[in-house]
N, C-alpha and C. Protein backbone atom coordinates (compact mmCIF):
# COMPACT_ATOMS: atom_id res chain seq x y z
N MET A 1 116.09 76.04 170.07
CA MET A 1 115.07 76.22 168.94
C MET A 1 113.77 76.16 169.60
N ASN A 2 112.88 77.07 169.39
CA ASN A 2 111.57 77.42 169.76
C ASN A 2 110.48 76.95 168.65
N ALA A 3 109.65 75.98 168.87
CA ALA A 3 108.69 75.78 167.81
C ALA A 3 107.82 76.87 167.45
N MET A 4 107.48 77.86 168.41
CA MET A 4 106.74 79.07 168.02
C MET A 4 107.27 79.86 167.13
N THR A 5 108.58 80.29 167.35
CA THR A 5 109.19 81.42 166.59
C THR A 5 110.50 80.79 165.91
N GLY A 6 110.82 79.67 166.02
CA GLY A 6 112.08 79.12 165.54
C GLY A 6 113.35 79.60 165.97
N GLY A 7 113.29 80.36 167.06
CA GLY A 7 114.42 80.97 167.64
C GLY A 7 115.00 80.42 168.87
N SER A 8 115.91 80.90 169.43
CA SER A 8 116.52 80.55 170.72
C SER A 8 115.42 80.85 171.89
N PRO A 9 115.64 80.47 173.17
CA PRO A 9 114.89 80.84 174.16
C PRO A 9 114.96 82.40 174.36
N LEU A 10 116.11 82.92 174.25
CA LEU A 10 116.35 84.29 174.47
C LEU A 10 115.54 85.14 173.47
N GLU A 11 115.62 84.80 172.15
CA GLU A 11 114.81 85.55 171.21
C GLU A 11 113.42 85.33 171.34
N THR A 12 113.01 84.17 171.82
CA THR A 12 111.41 83.91 172.13
C THR A 12 111.03 84.89 173.23
N ILE A 13 111.87 85.10 174.40
CA ILE A 13 111.50 86.01 175.44
C ILE A 13 111.39 87.35 174.88
N LEU A 14 112.37 87.88 174.10
CA LEU A 14 112.38 89.17 173.62
C LEU A 14 111.12 89.40 172.64
N TRP A 15 110.65 88.47 171.89
CA TRP A 15 109.63 88.61 170.85
C TRP A 15 108.33 88.59 171.62
N THR A 16 108.16 87.88 172.83
CA THR A 16 106.94 87.84 173.53
C THR A 16 106.74 88.92 174.42
N ALA A 17 107.60 89.83 174.48
CA ALA A 17 107.42 90.98 175.39
C ALA A 17 105.98 91.66 175.18
N ARG A 18 105.34 92.13 176.30
CA ARG A 18 104.14 92.69 176.06
C ARG A 18 104.27 94.21 176.22
N SER A 19 103.39 94.95 175.54
CA SER A 19 103.40 96.38 175.65
C SER A 19 102.68 96.99 176.74
N ALA A 20 103.27 98.03 177.25
CA ALA A 20 102.65 98.70 178.30
C ALA A 20 102.83 100.18 178.02
N GLY A 21 102.08 100.79 177.18
CA GLY A 21 102.40 102.16 176.85
C GLY A 21 103.50 101.97 175.71
N ALA A 22 104.52 102.77 175.92
CA ALA A 22 105.75 102.85 175.13
C ALA A 22 106.87 101.88 175.54
N THR A 23 106.61 101.16 176.62
CA THR A 23 107.43 100.29 177.26
C THR A 23 107.18 98.84 176.96
N LEU A 24 108.08 97.98 176.63
CA LEU A 24 107.96 96.56 176.46
C LEU A 24 108.43 95.76 177.74
N ILE A 25 107.47 94.95 178.23
CA ILE A 25 107.74 94.27 179.59
C ILE A 25 107.83 92.88 179.30
N ILE A 26 108.88 92.08 179.93
CA ILE A 26 108.98 90.61 179.81
C ILE A 26 108.51 90.19 181.26
N SER A 27 107.91 88.85 181.04
CA SER A 27 107.62 88.18 182.33
C SER A 27 108.71 87.58 183.21
N ARG A 28 108.48 87.81 184.51
CA ARG A 28 109.45 87.11 185.31
C ARG A 28 109.23 85.63 185.43
N GLY A 29 108.16 85.09 184.81
CA GLY A 29 108.03 83.70 184.82
C GLY A 29 108.82 82.89 183.73
N ASN A 30 109.56 83.68 183.02
CA ASN A 30 110.38 82.97 182.13
C ASN A 30 111.66 82.31 182.77
N ASP A 31 112.38 81.58 182.04
CA ASP A 31 113.57 80.85 182.52
C ASP A 31 114.55 81.87 183.30
N PRO A 32 114.95 81.76 184.49
CA PRO A 32 115.75 82.47 185.40
C PRO A 32 117.08 82.70 184.65
N ALA A 33 117.61 81.64 184.04
CA ALA A 33 119.03 81.73 183.52
C ALA A 33 119.00 82.57 182.17
N THR A 34 117.90 82.58 181.59
CA THR A 34 117.74 83.30 180.31
C THR A 34 117.68 84.73 180.60
N ILE A 35 116.84 85.07 181.66
CA ILE A 35 116.64 86.31 182.20
C ILE A 35 117.88 86.93 182.64
N ARG A 36 118.73 86.28 183.37
CA ARG A 36 120.00 86.71 183.80
C ARG A 36 120.90 86.94 182.57
N GLN A 37 120.91 86.11 181.50
CA GLN A 37 121.63 86.50 180.35
C GLN A 37 121.14 87.80 179.70
N LEU A 38 119.94 87.94 179.67
CA LEU A 38 119.24 89.19 179.12
C LEU A 38 119.82 90.37 179.70
N LEU A 39 119.75 90.23 181.15
CA LEU A 39 120.31 91.43 182.01
C LEU A 39 121.74 91.70 181.86
N ASP A 40 122.62 90.65 181.73
CA ASP A 40 123.95 90.62 181.57
C ASP A 40 124.38 91.26 180.28
N GLU A 41 123.52 90.99 179.18
CA GLU A 41 123.80 91.48 177.87
C GLU A 41 123.35 92.91 177.72
N GLY A 42 122.65 93.42 178.69
CA GLY A 42 122.07 94.75 178.63
C GLY A 42 120.87 94.81 177.72
N LEU A 43 120.20 93.71 177.42
CA LEU A 43 118.98 93.74 176.73
C LEU A 43 117.67 94.13 177.35
N ILE A 44 117.76 93.80 178.73
CA ILE A 44 116.60 94.27 179.68
C ILE A 44 117.16 94.92 180.98
N ARG A 45 116.47 95.70 181.59
CA ARG A 45 116.81 96.25 182.99
C ARG A 45 115.72 96.23 183.73
N GLU A 46 115.91 96.34 185.11
CA GLU A 46 114.82 96.43 186.09
C GLU A 46 114.34 97.88 186.21
N ARG A 47 113.01 98.11 186.21
CA ARG A 47 112.54 99.38 186.42
C ARG A 47 111.17 99.38 187.09
N LEU A 48 111.13 100.02 188.22
CA LEU A 48 110.06 99.84 189.15
C LEU A 48 109.49 98.52 189.34
N GLY A 49 110.36 97.57 189.49
CA GLY A 49 109.90 96.18 189.82
C GLY A 49 109.55 95.38 188.56
N HIS A 50 109.76 95.99 187.44
CA HIS A 50 109.40 95.35 186.10
C HIS A 50 110.61 95.05 185.39
N LEU A 51 110.65 94.12 184.58
CA LEU A 51 111.78 93.81 183.54
C LEU A 51 111.40 94.39 182.23
N VAL A 52 112.15 95.51 181.83
CA VAL A 52 111.77 96.14 180.62
C VAL A 52 112.88 96.05 179.61
N LEU A 53 112.52 96.06 178.30
CA LEU A 53 113.61 96.05 177.26
C LEU A 53 114.20 97.45 177.22
N THR A 54 115.57 97.32 177.04
CA THR A 54 116.36 98.52 176.72
C THR A 54 116.30 98.84 175.22
N ILE A 55 117.01 99.95 174.77
CA ILE A 55 117.00 100.30 173.33
C ILE A 55 117.75 99.17 172.58
N LYS A 56 118.86 98.62 173.24
CA LYS A 56 119.54 97.50 172.54
C LYS A 56 118.60 96.23 172.50
N GLY A 57 117.88 96.11 173.68
CA GLY A 57 116.92 94.92 173.59
C GLY A 57 115.72 94.98 172.42
N ILE A 58 115.29 96.21 172.21
CA ILE A 58 114.20 96.57 171.29
C ILE A 58 114.89 96.25 169.93
N GLN A 59 116.19 96.76 169.79
CA GLN A 59 116.81 96.44 168.40
C GLN A 59 117.02 95.03 168.11
N ARG A 60 117.30 94.16 169.10
CA ARG A 60 117.62 92.82 169.01
C ARG A 60 116.26 92.13 168.79
N ARG A 61 115.17 92.57 169.49
CA ARG A 61 113.77 92.06 169.21
C ARG A 61 113.33 92.13 167.79
N ARG A 62 113.57 93.30 167.20
CA ARG A 62 113.30 93.58 165.78
C ARG A 62 114.16 92.71 164.85
N ALA A 63 115.28 92.44 165.19
CA ALA A 63 116.17 91.50 164.41
C ALA A 63 115.78 90.15 164.44
N CYS A 64 115.12 89.71 165.50
CA CYS A 64 114.69 88.27 165.57
C CYS A 64 113.28 88.07 165.28
N ALA A 65 112.54 89.03 164.83
CA ALA A 65 111.25 88.93 164.42
C ALA A 65 110.87 87.82 163.52
N PRO A 66 109.75 86.82 163.88
CA PRO A 66 109.57 85.76 163.18
C PRO A 66 108.92 86.21 161.81
N GLY A 67 109.19 85.42 160.85
CA GLY A 67 108.50 85.59 159.49
C GLY A 67 109.48 86.44 158.60
């Protein structure tokens, strides 16, 4: 559980993705194990050296929105 969003670390990372145009990017500074889990589940992928949310990741992000 995360105090900020009330969700798991995975959900917190998805929710804190920043916008770069139409793309949502997550920080490589997040927990490496959680990033690996996101990659394995197909929620993020690497593109041009950045970790970006996939369509599946964007849908999961919307589902875990706080509030």
